Amino acid sequence: MNQPQPSLQIGQIISGALIVSVVAFAAFAVFSRSAHDRDDGKRLADRAPEHGPEDGPSDGLAVLTLMAGAMIGASLLARPFVLGKQDQTAAKLFRGADGDVIDVPEIRLLGLFQTRTITAMAMLEAPAFLAGIAHMTEGRWEPLAMIGFLVVVMLATFPTESKFQAWVETCRDQSPSIQDN
């Protein structure tokens, strides 16, 4: 079995750490919420003497859950634009002075691919953490489903040699059509 190049391995380590941090925080959110729910079924805000029951978290409108959902939507909508800009940067490297497609050292492309992958995952990590906080404070199951969805997308984004090679080919193919800005 071929070992991935060191730069690709670094990207895999960072990507794995981003995924593990989301899963670990989700587990923390679930366990802390279940411990909280076992505590006589009361919420912290309901037990605090300065707050009445009407000041506690809402059982109706789940504001943090809605915010997490909106943040997920915004991240998924922004991804093609942000990653597309990085793809254009890589595609421009393949264009020679006369407009012909040229070879680019793989190590240079690996750095760009690593940056692209980390950016893609980081755009998903923040909404996942917000969803975990939403679960802890609101006690709803929807944020956990959001986290599960984001982890699946992050796993699908995980960098591999074949994904790197496919990305290189795509950038090389796009090179003649990229306009200088």
C-alpha atoms as a PDB file:
ATOM      1  CA  MET A   1       0.000   0.000   0.000  1.00  0.00           C
ATOM      2  CA  ASN A   2       1.317   3.410  -0.933  1.00  0.00           C
ATOM      3  CA  GLN A   3       1.840   5.859   1.878  1.00  0.00           C
ATOM      4  CA  PRO A   4       0.346   9.309   1.293  1.00  0.00           C
ATOM      5  CA  GLN A   5       2.795  12.147   0.898  1.00  0.00           C
ATOM      6  CA  PRO A   6       3.762  13.935   4.126  1.00  0.00           C
ATOM      7  CA  SER A   7       1.716  17.042   3.293  1.00  0.00           C
ATOM      8  CA  LEU A   8      -1.343  14.888   2.589  1.00  0.00           C
ATOM      9  CA  GLN A   9      -0.772  13.033   5.867  1.00  0.00           C
ATOM     10  CA  ILE A  10      -0.674  16.347   7.721  1.00  0.00           C
ATOM     11  CA  GLY A  11      -3.980  17.275   6.104  1.00  0.00           C
ATOM     12  CA  GLN A  12      -5.418  13.916   7.142  1.00  0.00           C
ATOM     13  CA  ILE A  13      -4.251  14.396  10.729  1.00  0.00           C
ATOM     14  CA  ILE A  14      -5.750  17.893  10.909  1.00  0.00           C
ATOM     15  CA  SER A  15      -8.983  16.740   9.254  1.00  0.00           C
ATOM     16  CA  GLY A  16      -9.225  13.804  11.632  1.00  0.00           C
ATOM     17  CA  ALA A  17      -8.696  16.128  14.586  1.00  0.00           C
ATOM     18  CA  LEU A  18     -11.474  18.428  13.375  1.00  0.00           C
ATOM     19  CA  ILE A  19     -13.866  15.479  13.025  1.00  0.00           C
ATOM     20  CA  VAL A  20     -12.901  13.990  16.398  1.00  0.00           C
ATOM     21  CA  SER A  21     -13.363  17.360  18.118  1.00  0.00           C
ATOM     22  CA  VAL A  22     -16.920  17.619  16.763  1.00  0.00           C
ATOM     23  CA  VAL A  23     -17.750  14.043  17.800  1.00  0.00           C
ATOM     24  CA  ALA A  24     -16.180  14.525  21.248  1.00  0.00           C
ATOM     25  CA  PHE A  25     -18.087  17.746  21.848  1.00  0.00           C
ATOM     26  CA  ALA A  26     -21.329  16.095  20.702  1.00  0.00           C
ATOM     27  CA  ALA A  27     -20.711  13.278  23.189  1.00  0.00           C
ATOM     28  CA  PHE A  28     -20.036  15.845  25.907  1.00  0.00           C
ATOM     29  CA  ALA A  29     -23.264  17.663  25.005  1.00  0.00           C
ATOM     30  CA  VAL A  30     -25.279  14.435  25.181  1.00  0.00           C
ATOM     31  CA  PHE A  31     -23.782  13.304  28.491  1.00  0.00           C
ATOM     32  CA  SER A  32     -24.008  16.719  30.134  1.00  0.00           C
ATOM     33  CA  ARG A  33     -27.599  17.126  28.970  1.00  0.00           C
ATOM     34  CA  SER A  34     -28.603  13.668  30.186  1.00  0.00           C
ATOM     35  CA  ALA A  35     -27.006  14.382  33.576  1.00  0.00           C
ATOM     36  CA  HIS A  36     -28.835  17.686  33.656  1.00  0.00           C
ATOM     37  CA  ASP A  37     -32.159  15.996  32.799  1.00  0.00           C
ATOM     38  CA  ARG A  38     -31.647  13.404  35.557  1.00  0.00           C
ATOM     39  CA  ASP A  39     -31.315  16.183  38.115  1.00  0.00           C
ATOM     40  CA  ASP A  40     -35.007  16.040  39.161  1.00  0.00           C
ATOM     41  CA  GLY A  41     -36.037  17.025  35.631  1.00  0.00           C
ATOM     42  CA  LYS A  42     -35.463  20.688  36.396  1.00  0.00           C
ATOM     43  CA  ARG A  43     -33.508  23.192  34.347  1.00  0.00           C
ATOM     44  CA  LEU A  44     -30.780  25.325  35.873  1.00  0.00           C
ATOM     45  CA  ALA A  45     -32.666  28.524  35.132  1.00  0.00           C
ATOM     46  CA  ASP A  46     -35.746  27.141  36.902  1.00  0.00           C
ATOM     47  CA  ARG A  47     -33.719  26.369  40.057  1.00  0.00           C
ATOM     48  CA  ALA A  48     -31.963  29.719  40.262  1.00  0.00           C
ATOM     49  CA  PRO A  49     -33.658  31.914  42.874  1.00  0.00           C
ATOM     50  CA  GLU A  50     -33.431  35.094  40.801  1.00  0.00           C
ATOM     51  CA  HIS A  51     -35.297  33.559  37.850  1.00  0.00           C
ATOM     52  CA  GLY A  52     -38.878  32.468  37.662  1.00  0.00           C
ATOM     53  CA  PRO A  53     -40.080  29.585  35.481  1.00  0.00           C
ATOM     54  CA  GLU A  54     -40.990  32.053  32.738  1.00  0.00           C
ATOM     55  CA  ASP A  55     -37.348  33.131  32.496  1.00  0.00           C
ATOM     56  CA  GLY A  56     -36.047  29.613  31.786  1.00  0.00           C
ATOM     57  CA  PRO A  57     -35.228  28.153  28.385  1.00  0.00           C
ATOM     58  CA  SER A  58     -38.167  28.027  26.014  1.00  0.00           C
ATOM     59  CA  ASP A  59     -39.844  24.709  25.293  1.00  0.00           C
ATOM     60  CA  GLY A  60     -41.451  26.232  22.191  1.00  0.00           C
ATOM     61  CA  LEU A  61     -39.138  28.227  19.955  1.00  0.00           C
ATOM     62  CA  ALA A  62     -35.655  26.730  19.837  1.00  0.00           C
ATOM     63  CA  VAL A  63     -33.600  29.815  19.047  1.00  0.00           C
ATOM     64  CA  LEU A  64     -30.151  28.177  19.198  1.00  0.00           C
ATOM     65  CA  THR A  65     -31.346  25.224  17.138  1.00  0.00           C
ATOM     66  CA  LEU A  66     -32.673  27.623  14.503  1.00  0.00           C
ATOM     67  CA  MET A  67     -29.413  29.567  14.595  1.00  0.00           C
ATOM     68  CA  ALA A  68     -27.404  26.366  14.160  1.00  0.00           C
ATOM     69  CA  GLY A  69     -29.590  25.371  11.213  1.00  0.00           C
ATOM     70  CA  ALA A  70     -29.159  28.801   9.632  1.00  0.00           C
ATOM     71  CA  MET A  71     -25.408  28.625  10.176  1.00  0.00           C
ATOM     72  CA  ILE A  72     -25.279  25.188   8.535  1.00  0.00           C
ATOM     73  CA  GLY A  73     -27.234  26.504   5.564  1.00  0.00           C
ATOM     74  CA  ALA A  74     -24.987  29.549   5.253  1.00  0.00           C
ATOM     75  CA  SER A  75     -21.861  27.391   5.467  1.00  0.00           C
ATOM     76  CA  LEU A  76     -23.103  24.967   2.825  1.00  0.00           C
ATOM     77  CA  LEU A  77     -24.117  27.833   0.532  1.00  0.00           C
ATOM     78  CA  ALA A  78     -20.794  29.647   0.989  1.00  0.00           C
ATOM     79  CA  ARG A  79     -18.661  26.516   0.510  1.00  0.00           C
ATOM     80  CA  PRO A  80     -18.747  26.464  -3.309  1.00  0.00           C
ATOM     81  CA  PHE A  81     -17.738  30.128  -3.481  1.00  0.00           C
ATOM     82  CA  VAL A  82     -14.934  29.910  -0.921  1.00  0.00           C
ATOM     83  CA  LEU A  83     -13.573  26.609  -2.228  1.00  0.00           C
ATOM     84  CA  GLY A  84     -14.107  27.743  -5.819  1.00  0.00           C
ATOM     85  CA  LYS A  85     -11.770  30.690  -5.229  1.00  0.00           C
ATOM     86  CA  GLN A  86      -9.123  28.291  -3.915  1.00  0.00           C
ATOM     87  CA  ASP A  87      -9.671  26.034  -6.939  1.00  0.00           C
ATOM     88  CA  GLN A  88      -9.189  29.014  -9.269  1.00  0.00           C
ATOM     89  CA  THR A  89      -5.921  29.864  -7.528  1.00  0.00           C
ATOM     90  CA  ALA A  90      -4.695  26.314  -8.123  1.00  0.00           C
ATOM     91  CA  ALA A  91      -5.950  26.279 -11.723  1.00  0.00           C
ATOM     92  CA  LYS A  92      -4.016  29.473 -12.513  1.00  0.00           C
ATOM     93  CA  LEU A  93      -0.783  27.688 -11.548  1.00  0.00           C
ATOM     94  CA  PHE A  94      -1.231  25.360 -14.528  1.00  0.00           C
ATOM     95  CA  ARG A  95      -1.297  28.191 -17.044  1.00  0.00           C
ATOM     96  CA  GLY A  96       1.992  29.144 -18.604  1.00  0.00           C
ATOM     97  CA  ALA A  97       2.940  32.579 -19.928  1.00  0.00           C
ATOM     98  CA  ASP A  98       1.673  31.663 -23.396  1.00  0.00           C
ATOM     99  CA  GLY A  99      -1.602  30.253 -22.044  1.00  0.00           C
ATOM    100  CA  ASP A 100      -0.606  26.619 -22.431  1.00  0.00           C
ATOM    101  CA  VAL A 101      -1.137  24.124 -19.625  1.00  0.00           C
ATOM    102  CA  ILE A 102       2.121  23.445 -17.790  1.00  0.00           C
ATOM    103  CA  ASP A 103       3.222  21.001 -15.104  1.00  0.00           C
ATOM    104  CA  VAL A 104       3.147  22.160 -11.494  1.00  0.00           C
ATOM    105  CA  PRO A 105       5.206  20.571  -8.705  1.00  0.00           C
ATOM    106  CA  GLU A 106       2.959  18.266  -6.707  1.00  0.00           C
ATOM    107  CA  ILE A 107       4.234  19.579  -3.380  1.00  0.00           C
ATOM    108  CA  ARG A 108       2.928  23.051  -4.257  1.00  0.00           C
ATOM    109  CA  LEU A 109      -0.472  21.607  -5.110  1.00  0.00           C
ATOM    110  CA  LEU A 110      -0.545  19.510  -1.938  1.00  0.00           C
ATOM    111  CA  GLY A 111      -0.260  22.653   0.161  1.00  0.00           C
ATOM    112  CA  LEU A 112      -3.184  24.243  -1.656  1.00  0.00           C
ATOM    113  CA  PHE A 113      -5.220  21.039  -1.358  1.00  0.00           C
ATOM    114  CA  GLN A 114      -4.483  20.870   2.369  1.00  0.00           C
ATOM    115  CA  THR A 115      -5.606  24.481   2.828  1.00  0.00           C
ATOM    116  CA  ARG A 116      -8.754  23.792   0.805  1.00  0.00           C
ATOM    117  CA  THR A 117      -9.612  20.713   2.868  1.00  0.00           C
ATOM    118  CA  ILE A 118      -9.036  22.413   6.214  1.00  0.00           C
ATOM    119  CA  THR A 119     -11.125  25.395   5.087  1.00  0.00           C
ATOM    120  CA  ALA A 120     -13.958  23.090   4.003  1.00  0.00           C
ATOM    121  CA  MET A 121     -13.973  21.284   7.337  1.00  0.00           C
ATOM    122  CA  ALA A 122     -13.625  24.421   9.448  1.00  0.00           C
ATOM    123  CA  MET A 123     -16.691  25.850   7.737  1.00  0.00           C
ATOM    124  CA  LEU A 124     -18.636  22.864   9.110  1.00  0.00           C
ATOM    125  CA  GLU A 125     -17.031  22.695  12.545  1.00  0.00           C
ATOM    126  CA  ALA A 126     -18.446  25.985  13.873  1.00  0.00           C
ATOM    127  CA  PRO A 127     -22.097  25.134  13.123  1.00  0.00           C
ATOM    128  CA  ALA A 128     -21.548  21.689  14.645  1.00  0.00           C
ATOM    129  CA  PHE A 129     -20.348  23.235  17.898  1.00  0.00           C
ATOM    130  CA  LEU A 130     -23.291  25.636  17.922  1.00  0.00           C
ATOM    131  CA  ALA A 131     -25.624  22.667  17.416  1.00  0.00           C
ATOM    132  CA  GLY A 132     -23.982  20.943  20.402  1.00  0.00           C
ATOM    133  CA  ILE A 133     -24.545  24.023  22.534  1.00  0.00           C
ATOM    134  CA  ALA A 134     -28.147  24.136  21.305  1.00  0.00           C
ATOM    135  CA  HIS A 135     -28.662  20.548  22.446  1.00  0.00           C
ATOM    136  CA  MET A 136     -27.141  21.260  25.850  1.00  0.00           C
ATOM    137  CA  THR A 137     -29.281  24.337  26.464  1.00  0.00           C
ATOM    138  CA  GLU A 138     -32.535  23.374  24.744  1.00  0.00           C
ATOM    139  CA  GLY A 139     -32.515  19.600  25.141  1.00  0.00           C
ATOM    140  CA  ARG A 140     -33.838  18.963  21.642  1.00  0.00           C
ATOM    141  CA  TRP A 141     -32.813  16.064  19.368  1.00  0.00           C
ATOM    142  CA  GLU A 142     -32.642  18.136  16.156  1.00  0.00           C
ATOM    143  CA  PRO A 143     -29.191  19.592  16.928  1.00  0.00           C
ATOM    144  CA  LEU A 144     -27.848  16.045  17.303  1.00  0.00           C
ATOM    145  CA  ALA A 145     -29.199  15.184  13.855  1.00  0.00           C
ATOM    146  CA  MET A 146     -27.490  18.324  12.517  1.00  0.00           C
ATOM    147  CA  ILE A 147     -24.202  17.246  14.066  1.00  0.00           C
ATOM    148  CA  GLY A 148     -24.581  13.766  12.567  1.00  0.00           C
ATOM    149  CA  PHE A 149     -25.184  15.279   9.129  1.00  0.00           C
ATOM    150  CA  LEU A 150     -22.148  17.560   9.454  1.00  0.00           C
ATOM    151  CA  VAL A 151     -19.900  14.692  10.554  1.00  0.00           C
ATOM    152  CA  VAL A 152     -20.990  12.716   7.465  1.00  0.00           C
ATOM    153  CA  VAL A 153     -20.155  15.711   5.239  1.00  0.00           C
ATOM    154  CA  MET A 154     -16.802  16.101   7.011  1.00  0.00           C
ATOM    155  CA  LEU A 155     -16.026  12.407   6.498  1.00  0.00           C
ATOM    156  CA  ALA A 156     -16.896  12.788   2.815  1.00  0.00           C
ATOM    157  CA  THR A 157     -14.449  15.715   2.667  1.00  0.00           C
ATOM    158  CA  PHE A 158     -11.612  13.742   4.310  1.00  0.00           C
ATOM    159  CA  PRO A 159      -8.490  14.069   2.123  1.00  0.00           C
ATOM    160  CA  THR A 160      -7.222  10.988   0.288  1.00  0.00           C
ATOM    161  CA  GLU A 161      -4.683  10.447  -2.467  1.00  0.00           C
ATOM    162  CA  SER A 162      -7.444   9.724  -4.998  1.00  0.00           C
ATOM    163  CA  LYS A 163      -9.343  12.904  -4.050  1.00  0.00           C
ATOM    164  CA  PHE A 164      -6.124  14.874  -4.368  1.00  0.00           C
ATOM    165  CA  GLN A 165      -5.407  13.441  -7.825  1.00  0.00           C
ATOM    166  CA  ALA A 166      -8.999  14.107  -8.967  1.00  0.00           C
ATOM    167  CA  TRP A 167      -8.745  17.691  -7.692  1.00  0.00           C
ATOM    168  CA  VAL A 168      -5.447  18.200  -9.533  1.00  0.00           C
ATOM    169  CA  GLU A 169      -7.013  16.946 -12.781  1.00  0.00           C
ATOM    170  CA  THR A 170     -10.035  19.199 -12.319  1.00  0.00           C
ATOM    171  CA  CYS A 171      -7.814  22.237 -11.717  1.00  0.00           C
ATOM    172  CA  ARG A 172      -5.635  21.354 -14.693  1.00  0.00           C
ATOM    173  CA  ASP A 173      -8.742  21.025 -16.901  1.00  0.00           C
ATOM    174  CA  GLN A 174     -10.129  24.358 -15.680  1.00  0.00           C
ATOM    175  CA  SER A 175      -6.849  26.176 -16.230  1.00  0.00           C
ATOM    176  CA  PRO A 176      -7.449  27.417 -19.798  1.00  0.00           C
ATOM    177  CA  SER A 177     -10.848  28.890 -18.878  1.00  0.00           C
ATOM    178  CA  ILE A 178      -9.742  30.796 -15.747  1.00  0.00           C
ATOM    179  CA  GLN A 179      -9.635  34.568 -16.231  1.00  0.00           C
ATOM    180  CA  ASP A 180      -7.100  36.763 -14.473  1.00  0.00           C
ATOM    181  CA  ASN A 181      -8.627  39.305 -12.104  1.00  0.00           C
END
